[in-house]
Amino acid sequence: MSNYNACVFCLKSVKLNPGLTLHVFPKDPVIRLKWLEACKYNESDICPNRKLCSCHFDHHCFTGQHKKCIKRGAIPTLHMKK
């Protein structure tokens, strides 16, 4: 069974990593493509409801201090090597 409470890229889970937040791939096709490129994935590699965790986003990408919401247009750039 797949775990939808873990990052699709690094497999970190919120259960084992307090303070970690998960973010759904954007619906905007341009931004979504940039996320996919950052992960080196194709659209077909990502199932609905898959998420990236907050450790892949610079602190400037978040709207608040607690990393719960990312800004529109934010692109994952951290720890993206496979």
PDB file of N, CA and C in Angstrom:
ATOM      1  N   MET A   1       0.840  -1.179   0.000  1.00  0.00           N
ATOM      2  CA  MET A   1       0.000   0.000   0.000  1.00  0.00           C
ATOM      3  C   MET A   1       0.888   1.246   0.000  1.00  0.00           C
ATOM      4  N   SER A   2       0.536   2.244  -0.797  1.00  0.00           N
ATOM      5  CA  SER A   2       1.301   3.476  -0.875  1.00  0.00           C
ATOM      6  C   SER A   2       1.033   4.344   0.338  1.00  0.00           C
ATOM      7  N   ASN A   3       2.047   5.100   0.719  1.00  0.00           N
ATOM      8  CA  ASN A   3       1.896   6.005   1.847  1.00  0.00           C
ATOM      9  C   ASN A   3       1.776   7.425   1.318  1.00  0.00           C
ATOM     10  N   TYR A   4       0.583   8.002   1.434  1.00  0.00           N
ATOM     11  CA  TYR A   4       0.356   9.355   0.949  1.00  0.00           C
ATOM     12  C   TYR A   4       0.743  10.391   1.993  1.00  0.00           C
ATOM     13  N   ASN A   5       1.238   9.962   3.152  1.00  0.00           N
ATOM     14  CA  ASN A   5       1.690  10.874   4.186  1.00  0.00           C
ATOM     15  C   ASN A   5       3.209  10.954   4.213  1.00  0.00           C
ATOM     16  N   ALA A   6       3.816  10.709   3.060  1.00  0.00           N
ATOM     17  CA  ALA A   6       5.270  10.795   2.932  1.00  0.00           C
ATOM     18  C   ALA A   6       5.616  11.524   1.638  1.00  0.00           C
ATOM     19  N   CYS A   7       6.779  12.100   1.617  1.00  0.00           N
ATOM     20  CA  CYS A   7       7.267  12.823   0.449  1.00  0.00           C
ATOM     21  C   CYS A   7       7.546  11.843  -0.686  1.00  0.00           C
ATOM     22  N   VAL A   8       7.047  12.145  -1.867  1.00  0.00           N
ATOM     23  CA  VAL A   8       7.239  11.285  -3.032  1.00  0.00           C
ATOM     24  C   VAL A   8       8.712  11.232  -3.458  1.00  0.00           C
ATOM     25  N   PHE A   9       9.489  12.228  -3.084  1.00  0.00           N
ATOM     26  CA  PHE A   9      10.886  12.297  -3.515  1.00  0.00           C
ATOM     27  C   PHE A   9      11.843  11.638  -2.521  1.00  0.00           C
ATOM     28  N   CYS A  10      11.757  12.020  -1.245  1.00  0.00           N
ATOM     29  CA  CYS A  10      12.720  11.511  -0.260  1.00  0.00           C
ATOM     30  C   CYS A  10      12.109  10.517   0.724  1.00  0.00           C
ATOM     31  N   LEU A  11      10.793  10.324   0.642  1.00  0.00           N
ATOM     32  CA  LEU A  11      10.058   9.366   1.469  1.00  0.00           C
ATOM     33  C   LEU A  11       9.999   9.728   2.954  1.00  0.00           C
ATOM     34  N   LYS A  12      10.364  10.966   3.307  1.00  0.00           N
ATOM     35  CA  LYS A  12      10.214  11.392   4.700  1.00  0.00           C
ATOM     36  C   LYS A  12       8.731  11.495   5.019  1.00  0.00           C
ATOM     37  N   SER A  13       8.386  11.087   6.224  1.00  0.00           N
ATOM     38  CA  SER A  13       6.983  11.150   6.633  1.00  0.00           C
ATOM     39  C   SER A  13       6.808  12.165   7.752  1.00  0.00           C
ATOM     40  N   VAL A  14       5.607  12.702   7.857  1.00  0.00           N
ATOM     41  CA  VAL A  14       5.310  13.648   8.926  1.00  0.00           C
ATOM     42  C   VAL A  14       5.277  12.936  10.272  1.00  0.00           C
ATOM     43  N   LYS A  15       4.956  11.680  10.256  1.00  0.00           N
ATOM     44  CA  LYS A  15       4.883  10.907  11.497  1.00  0.00           C
ATOM     45  C   LYS A  15       6.261  10.766  12.149  1.00  0.00           C
ATOM     46  N   LEU A  16       7.282  10.559  11.337  1.00  0.00           N
ATOM     47  CA  LEU A  16       8.632  10.362  11.858  1.00  0.00           C
ATOM     48  C   LEU A  16       9.476  11.633  11.887  1.00  0.00           C
ATOM     49  N   ASN A  17       8.950  12.729  11.316  1.00  0.00           N
ATOM     50  CA  ASN A  17       9.697  13.987  11.231  1.00  0.00           C
ATOM     51  C   ASN A  17       8.830  15.151  11.694  1.00  0.00           C
ATOM     52  N   PRO A  18       8.757  15.390  13.000  1.00  0.00           N
ATOM     53  CA  PRO A  18       7.939  16.493  13.514  1.00  0.00           C
ATOM     54  C   PRO A  18       8.344  17.819  12.873  1.00  0.00           C
ATOM     55  N   GLY A  19       7.364  18.613  12.521  1.00  0.00           N
ATOM     56  CA  GLY A  19       7.615  19.905  11.896  1.00  0.00           C
ATOM     57  C   GLY A  19       7.658  19.854  10.378  1.00  0.00           C
ATOM     58  N   LEU A  20       7.762  18.673   9.822  1.00  0.00           N
ATOM     59  CA  LEU A  20       7.766  18.502   8.374  1.00  0.00           C
ATOM     60  C   LEU A  20       6.353  18.732   7.850  1.00  0.00           C
ATOM     61  N   THR A  21       6.243  19.411   6.730  1.00  0.00           N
ATOM     62  CA  THR A  21       4.935  19.588   6.099  1.00  0.00           C
ATOM     63  C   THR A  21       4.996  19.035   4.685  1.00  0.00           C
ATOM     64  N   LEU A  22       3.857  18.599   4.187  1.00  0.00           N
ATOM     65  CA  LEU A  22       3.755  18.031   2.842  1.00  0.00           C
ATOM     66  C   LEU A  22       2.931  18.952   1.961  1.00  0.00           C
ATOM     67  N   HIS A  23       3.310  19.045   0.696  1.00  0.00           N
ATOM     68  CA  HIS A  23       2.679  19.976  -0.234  1.00  0.00           C
ATOM     69  C   HIS A  23       2.325  19.265  -1.533  1.00  0.00           C
ATOM     70  N   VAL A  24       1.053  19.365  -1.909  1.00  0.00           N
ATOM     71  CA  VAL A  24       0.528  18.723  -3.115  1.00  0.00           C
ATOM     72  C   VAL A  24       1.120  19.395  -4.353  1.00  0.00           C
ATOM     73  N   PHE A  25       1.380  18.608  -5.372  1.00  0.00           N
ATOM     74  CA  PHE A  25       1.854  19.167  -6.638  1.00  0.00           C
ATOM     75  C   PHE A  25       0.820  20.163  -7.158  1.00  0.00           C
ATOM     76  N   PRO A  26       1.270  21.321  -7.638  1.00  0.00           N
ATOM     77  CA  PRO A  26       0.333  22.359  -8.081  1.00  0.00           C
ATOM     78  C   PRO A  26      -0.472  21.948  -9.313  1.00  0.00           C
ATOM     79  N   LYS A  27      -1.649  22.522  -9.437  1.00  0.00           N
ATOM     80  CA  LYS A  27      -2.494  22.269 -10.610  1.00  0.00           C
ATOM     81  C   LYS A  27      -2.058  23.121 -11.801  1.00  0.00           C
ATOM     82  N   ASP A  28      -1.477  24.296 -11.528  1.00  0.00           N
ATOM     83  CA  ASP A  28      -0.990  25.167 -12.596  1.00  0.00           C
ATOM     84  C   ASP A  28       0.029  24.379 -13.419  1.00  0.00           C
ATOM     85  N   PRO A  29      -0.238  24.161 -14.722  1.00  0.00           N
ATOM     86  CA  PRO A  29       0.630  23.298 -15.530  1.00  0.00           C
ATOM     87  C   PRO A  29       2.072  23.784 -15.647  1.00  0.00           C
ATOM     88  N   VAL A  30       2.295  25.079 -15.648  1.00  0.00           N
ATOM     89  CA  VAL A  30       3.653  25.617 -15.773  1.00  0.00           C
ATOM     90  C   VAL A  30       4.454  25.339 -14.499  1.00  0.00           C
ATOM     91  N   ILE A  31       3.860  25.628 -13.357  1.00  0.00           N
ATOM     92  CA  ILE A  31       4.543  25.402 -12.078  1.00  0.00           C
ATOM     93  C   ILE A  31       4.680  23.904 -11.812  1.00  0.00           C
ATOM     94  N   ARG A  32       3.650  23.149 -12.141  1.00  0.00           N
ATOM     95  CA  ARG A  32       3.699  21.691 -11.959  1.00  0.00           C
ATOM     96  C   ARG A  32       4.864  21.088 -12.752  1.00  0.00           C
ATOM     97  N   LEU A  33       5.039  21.544 -13.983  1.00  0.00           N
ATOM     98  CA  LEU A  33       6.141  21.062 -14.816  1.00  0.00           C
ATOM     99  C   LEU A  33       7.490  21.386 -14.175  1.00  0.00           C
ATOM    100  N   LYS A  34       7.615  22.560 -13.577  1.00  0.00           N
ATOM    101  CA  LYS A  34       8.865  22.931 -12.909  1.00  0.00           C
ATOM    102  C   LYS A  34       9.133  22.027 -11.706  1.00  0.00           C
ATOM    103  N   TRP A  35       8.085  21.674 -10.967  1.00  0.00           N
ATOM    104  CA  TRP A  35       8.247  20.736  -9.844  1.00  0.00           C
ATOM    105  C   TRP A  35       8.697  19.376 -10.373  1.00  0.00           C
ATOM    106  N   LEU A  36       8.041  18.917 -11.431  1.00  0.00           N
ATOM    107  CA  LEU A  36       8.396  17.618 -12.012  1.00  0.00           C
ATOM    108  C   LEU A  36       9.841  17.614 -12.501  1.00  0.00           C
ATOM    109  N   GLU A  37      10.254  18.695 -13.151  1.00  0.00           N
ATOM    110  CA  GLU A  37      11.631  18.802 -13.633  1.00  0.00           C
ATOM    111  C   GLU A  37      12.615  18.798 -12.468  1.00  0.00           C
ATOM    112  N   ALA A  38      12.276  19.494 -11.384  1.00  0.00           N
ATOM    113  CA  ALA A  38      13.154  19.533 -10.209  1.00  0.00           C
ATOM    114  C   ALA A  38      13.328  18.140  -9.613  1.00  0.00           C
ATOM    115  N   CYS A  39      12.263  17.348  -9.663  1.00  0.00           N
ATOM    116  CA  CYS A  39      12.298  15.981  -9.128  1.00  0.00           C
ATOM    117  C   CYS A  39      12.836  14.972 -10.133  1.00  0.00           C
ATOM    118  N   LYS A  40      12.990  15.416 -11.371  1.00  0.00           N
ATOM    119  CA  LYS A  40      13.379  14.524 -12.475  1.00  0.00           C
ATOM    120  C   LYS A  40      12.346  13.416 -12.681  1.00  0.00           C
ATOM    121  N   TYR A  41      11.075  13.819 -12.610  1.00  0.00           N
ATOM    122  CA  TYR A  41       9.950  12.915 -12.830  1.00  0.00           C
ATOM    123  C   TYR A  41       9.192  13.343 -14.079  1.00  0.00           C
ATOM    124  N   ASN A  42       8.436  12.408 -14.631  1.00  0.00           N
ATOM    125  CA  ASN A  42       7.476  12.695 -15.691  1.00  0.00           C
ATOM    126  C   ASN A  42       6.100  12.755 -15.055  1.00  0.00           C
ATOM    127  N   GLU A  43       5.167  13.334 -15.753  1.00  0.00           N
ATOM    128  CA  GLU A  43       3.788  13.403 -15.255  1.00  0.00           C
ATOM    129  C   GLU A  43       3.273  12.009 -14.911  1.00  0.00           C
ATOM    130  N   SER A  44       3.623  11.032 -15.718  1.00  0.00           N
ATOM    131  CA  SER A  44       3.132   9.666 -15.493  1.00  0.00           C
ATOM    132  C   SER A  44       3.731   9.019 -14.238  1.00  0.00           C
ATOM    133  N   ASP A  45       4.818   9.588 -13.707  1.00  0.00           N
ATOM    134  CA  ASP A  45       5.439   9.055 -12.491  1.00  0.00           C
ATOM    135  C   ASP A  45       4.699   9.461 -11.220  1.00  0.00           C
ATOM    136  N   ILE A  46       3.867  10.481 -11.318  1.00  0.00           N
ATOM    137  CA  ILE A  46       3.218  11.051 -10.139  1.00  0.00           C
ATOM    138  C   ILE A  46       1.739  10.712 -10.128  1.00  0.00           C
ATOM    139  N   CYS A  47       1.324  10.006  -9.104  1.00  0.00           N
ATOM    140  CA  CYS A  47      -0.091   9.684  -8.909  1.00  0.00           C
ATOM    141  C   CYS A  47      -0.774  10.868  -8.232  1.00  0.00           C
ATOM    142  N   PRO A  48      -2.096  10.958  -8.357  1.00  0.00           N
ATOM    143  CA  PRO A  48      -2.813  12.018  -7.644  1.00  0.00           C
ATOM    144  C   PRO A  48      -2.533  11.924  -6.145  1.00  0.00           C
ATOM    145  N   ASN A  49      -2.556  13.033  -5.487  1.00  0.00           N
ATOM    146  CA  ASN A  49      -2.352  13.151  -4.040  1.00  0.00           C
ATOM    147  C   ASN A  49      -0.904  12.975  -3.592  1.00  0.00           C
ATOM    148  N   ARG A  50       0.031  12.824  -4.493  1.00  0.00           N
ATOM    149  CA  ARG A  50       1.438  12.730  -4.103  1.00  0.00           C
ATOM    150  C   ARG A  50       1.927  14.112  -3.696  1.00  0.00           C
ATOM    151  N   LYS A  51       2.878  14.144  -2.776  1.00  0.00           N
ATOM    152  CA  LYS A  51       3.313  15.418  -2.203  1.00  0.00           C
ATOM    153  C   LYS A  51       4.824  15.485  -2.070  1.00  0.00           C
ATOM    154  N   LEU A  52       5.319  16.722  -1.985  1.00  0.00           N
ATOM    155  CA  LEU A  52       6.721  16.984  -1.665  1.00  0.00           C
ATOM    156  C   LEU A  52       6.776  17.572  -0.267  1.00  0.00           C
ATOM    157  N   CYS A  53       7.849  17.291   0.452  1.00  0.00           N
ATOM    158  CA  CYS A  53       7.946  17.815   1.814  1.00  0.00           C
ATOM    159  C   CYS A  53       8.652  19.169   1.847  1.00  0.00           C
ATOM    160  N   SER A  54       8.484  19.819   2.972  1.00  0.00           N
ATOM    161  CA  SER A  54       9.003  21.167   3.168  1.00  0.00           C
ATOM    162  C   SER A  54      10.526  21.253   3.102  1.00  0.00           C
ATOM    163  N   CYS A  55      11.238  20.159   3.287  1.00  0.00           N
ATOM    164  CA  CYS A  55      12.705  20.230   3.259  1.00  0.00           C
ATOM    165  C   CYS A  55      13.248  20.512   1.859  1.00  0.00           C
ATOM    166  N   HIS A  56      12.408  20.459   0.835  1.00  0.00           N
ATOM    167  CA  HIS A  56      12.853  20.721  -0.536  1.00  0.00           C
ATOM    168  C   HIS A  56      12.621  22.173  -0.969  1.00  0.00           C
ATOM    169  N   PHE A  57      12.116  22.997  -0.051  1.00  0.00           N
ATOM    170  CA  PHE A  57      11.818  24.394  -0.361  1.00  0.00           C
ATOM    171  C   PHE A  57      12.643  25.324   0.518  1.00  0.00           C
ATOM    172  N   ASP A  58      13.184  26.370  -0.082  1.00  0.00           N
ATOM    173  CA  ASP A  58      13.892  27.411   0.651  1.00  0.00           C
ATOM    174  C   ASP A  58      12.913  28.112   1.593  1.00  0.00           C
ATOM    175  N   HIS A  59      13.422  28.642   2.693  1.00  0.00           N
ATOM    176  CA  HIS A  59      12.524  29.289   3.667  1.00  0.00           C
ATOM    177  C   HIS A  59      11.768  30.477   3.074  1.00  0.00           C
ATOM    178  N   HIS A  60      12.277  31.078   2.010  1.00  0.00           N
ATOM    179  CA  HIS A  60      11.580  32.192   1.360  1.00  0.00           C
ATOM    180  C   HIS A  60      10.333  31.735   0.600  1.00  0.00           C
ATOM    181  N   CYS A  61      10.175  30.450   0.400  1.00  0.00           N
ATOM    182  CA  CYS A  61       9.030  29.911  -0.342  1.00  0.00           C
ATOM    183  C   CYS A  61       7.766  29.796   0.512  1.00  0.00           C
ATOM    184  N   PHE A  62       7.883  30.025   1.812  1.00  0.00           N
ATOM    185  CA  PHE A  62       6.747  29.833   2.711  1.00  0.00           C
ATOM    186  C   PHE A  62       6.108  31.156   3.099  1.00  0.00           C
ATOM    187  N   THR A  63       4.795  31.103   3.339  1.00  0.00           N
ATOM    188  CA  THR A  63       4.066  32.312   3.708  1.00  0.00           C
ATOM    189  C   THR A  63       4.172  32.626   5.191  1.00  0.00           C
ATOM    190  N   GLY A  64       4.453  31.641   6.016  1.00  0.00           N
ATOM    191  CA  GLY A  64       4.552  31.857   7.458  1.00  0.00           C
ATOM    192  C   GLY A  64       5.783  31.187   8.023  1.00  0.00           C
ATOM    193  N   GLN A  65       5.958  31.314   9.318  1.00  0.00           N
ATOM    194  CA  GLN A  65       7.126  30.748   9.982  1.00  0.00           C
ATOM    195  C   GLN A  65       7.051  29.235  10.128  1.00  0.00           C
ATOM    196  N   HIS A  66       5.866  28.677  10.088  1.00  0.00           N
ATOM    197  CA  HIS A  66       5.701  27.264  10.413  1.00  0.00           C
ATOM    198  C   HIS A  66       5.701  26.336   9.198  1.00  0.00           C
ATOM    199  N   LYS A  67       6.002  26.850   8.030  1.00  0.00           N
ATOM    200  CA  LYS A  67       6.130  26.055   6.801  1.00  0.00           C
ATOM    201  C   LYS A  67       4.867  25.267   6.461  1.00  0.00           C
ATOM    202  N   LYS A  68       3.715  25.827   6.782  1.00  0.00           N
ATOM    203  CA  LYS A  68       2.470  25.130   6.474  1.00  0.00           C
ATOM    204  C   LYS A  68       1.976  25.446   5.070  1.00  0.00           C
ATOM    205  N   CYS A  69       2.224  26.661   4.603  1.00  0.00           N
ATOM    206  CA  CYS A  69       1.755  27.070   3.273  1.00  0.00           C
ATOM    207  C   CYS A  69       2.927  27.594   2.453  1.00  0.00           C
ATOM    208  N   ILE A  70       2.984  27.154   1.208  1.00  0.00           N
ATOM    209  CA  ILE A  70       4.020  27.690   0.327  1.00  0.00           C
ATOM    210  C   ILE A  70       3.402  28.763  -0.566  1.00  0.00           C
ATOM    211  N   LYS A  71       4.235  29.680  -0.984  1.00  0.00           N
ATOM    212  CA  LYS A  71       3.783  30.764  -1.848  1.00  0.00           C
ATOM    213  C   LYS A  71       3.467  30.224  -3.234  1.00  0.00           C
ATOM    214  N   ARG A  72       2.500  30.846  -3.878  1.00  0.00           N
ATOM    215  CA  ARG A  72       2.160  30.486  -5.249  1.00  0.00           C
ATOM    216  C   ARG A  72       3.389  30.689  -6.127  1.00  0.00           C
ATOM    217  N   GLY A  73       3.696  29.703  -6.921  1.00  0.00           N
ATOM    218  CA  GLY A  73       4.836  29.786  -7.827  1.00  0.00           C
ATOM    219  C   GLY A  73       6.144  29.293  -7.233  1.00  0.00           C
ATOM    220  N   ALA A  74       6.131  28.863  -5.961  1.00  0.00           N
ATOM    221  CA  ALA A  74       7.355  28.353  -5.332  1.00  0.00           C
ATOM    222  C   ALA A  74       7.805  27.066  -6.023  1.00  0.00           C
ATOM    223  N   ILE A  75       9.105  26.931  -6.187  1.00  0.00           N
ATOM    224  CA  ILE A  75       9.691  25.770  -6.865  1.00  0.00           C
ATOM    225  C   ILE A  75      10.634  25.065  -5.887  1.00  0.00           C
ATOM    226  N   PRO A  76      10.564  23.750  -5.793  1.00  0.00           N
ATOM    227  CA  PRO A  76      11.491  23.030  -4.922  1.00  0.00           C
ATOM    228  C   PRO A  76      12.911  23.071  -5.497  1.00  0.00           C
ATOM    229  N   THR A  77      13.868  23.467  -4.667  1.00  0.00           N
ATOM    230  CA  THR A  77      15.251  23.573  -5.136  1.00  0.00           C
ATOM    231  C   THR A  77      16.260  22.915  -4.201  1.00  0.00           C
ATOM    232  N   LEU A  78      15.849  22.544  -3.004  1.00  0.00           N
ATOM    233  CA  LEU A  78      16.787  22.014  -2.020  1.00  0.00           C
ATOM    234  C   LEU A  78      16.760  20.491  -1.969  1.00  0.00           C
ATOM    235  N   HIS A  79      17.932  19.901  -1.827  1.00  0.00           N
ATOM    236  CA  HIS A  79      18.054  18.445  -1.643  1.00  0.00           C
ATOM    237  C   HIS A  79      17.337  17.668  -2.748  1.00  0.00           C
ATOM    238  N   MET A  80      17.562  18.066  -3.998  1.00  0.00           N
ATOM    239  CA  MET A  80      16.842  17.458  -5.116  1.00  0.00           C
ATOM    240  C   MET A  80      17.692  16.460  -5.899  1.00  0.00           C
ATOM    241  N   LYS A  81      18.821  16.053  -5.370  1.00  0.00           N
ATOM    242  CA  LYS A  81      19.652  15.065  -6.072  1.00  0.00           C
ATOM    243  C   LYS A  81      19.198  13.671  -5.711  1.00  0.00           C
ATOM    244  N   LYS A  82      19.142  12.829  -6.715  1.00  0.00           N
ATOM    245  CA  LYS A  82      18.775  11.422  -6.496  1.00  0.00           C
ATOM    246  C   LYS A  82      20.012  10.585  -6.454  1.00  0.00           C
TER     247      LYS A  82
END
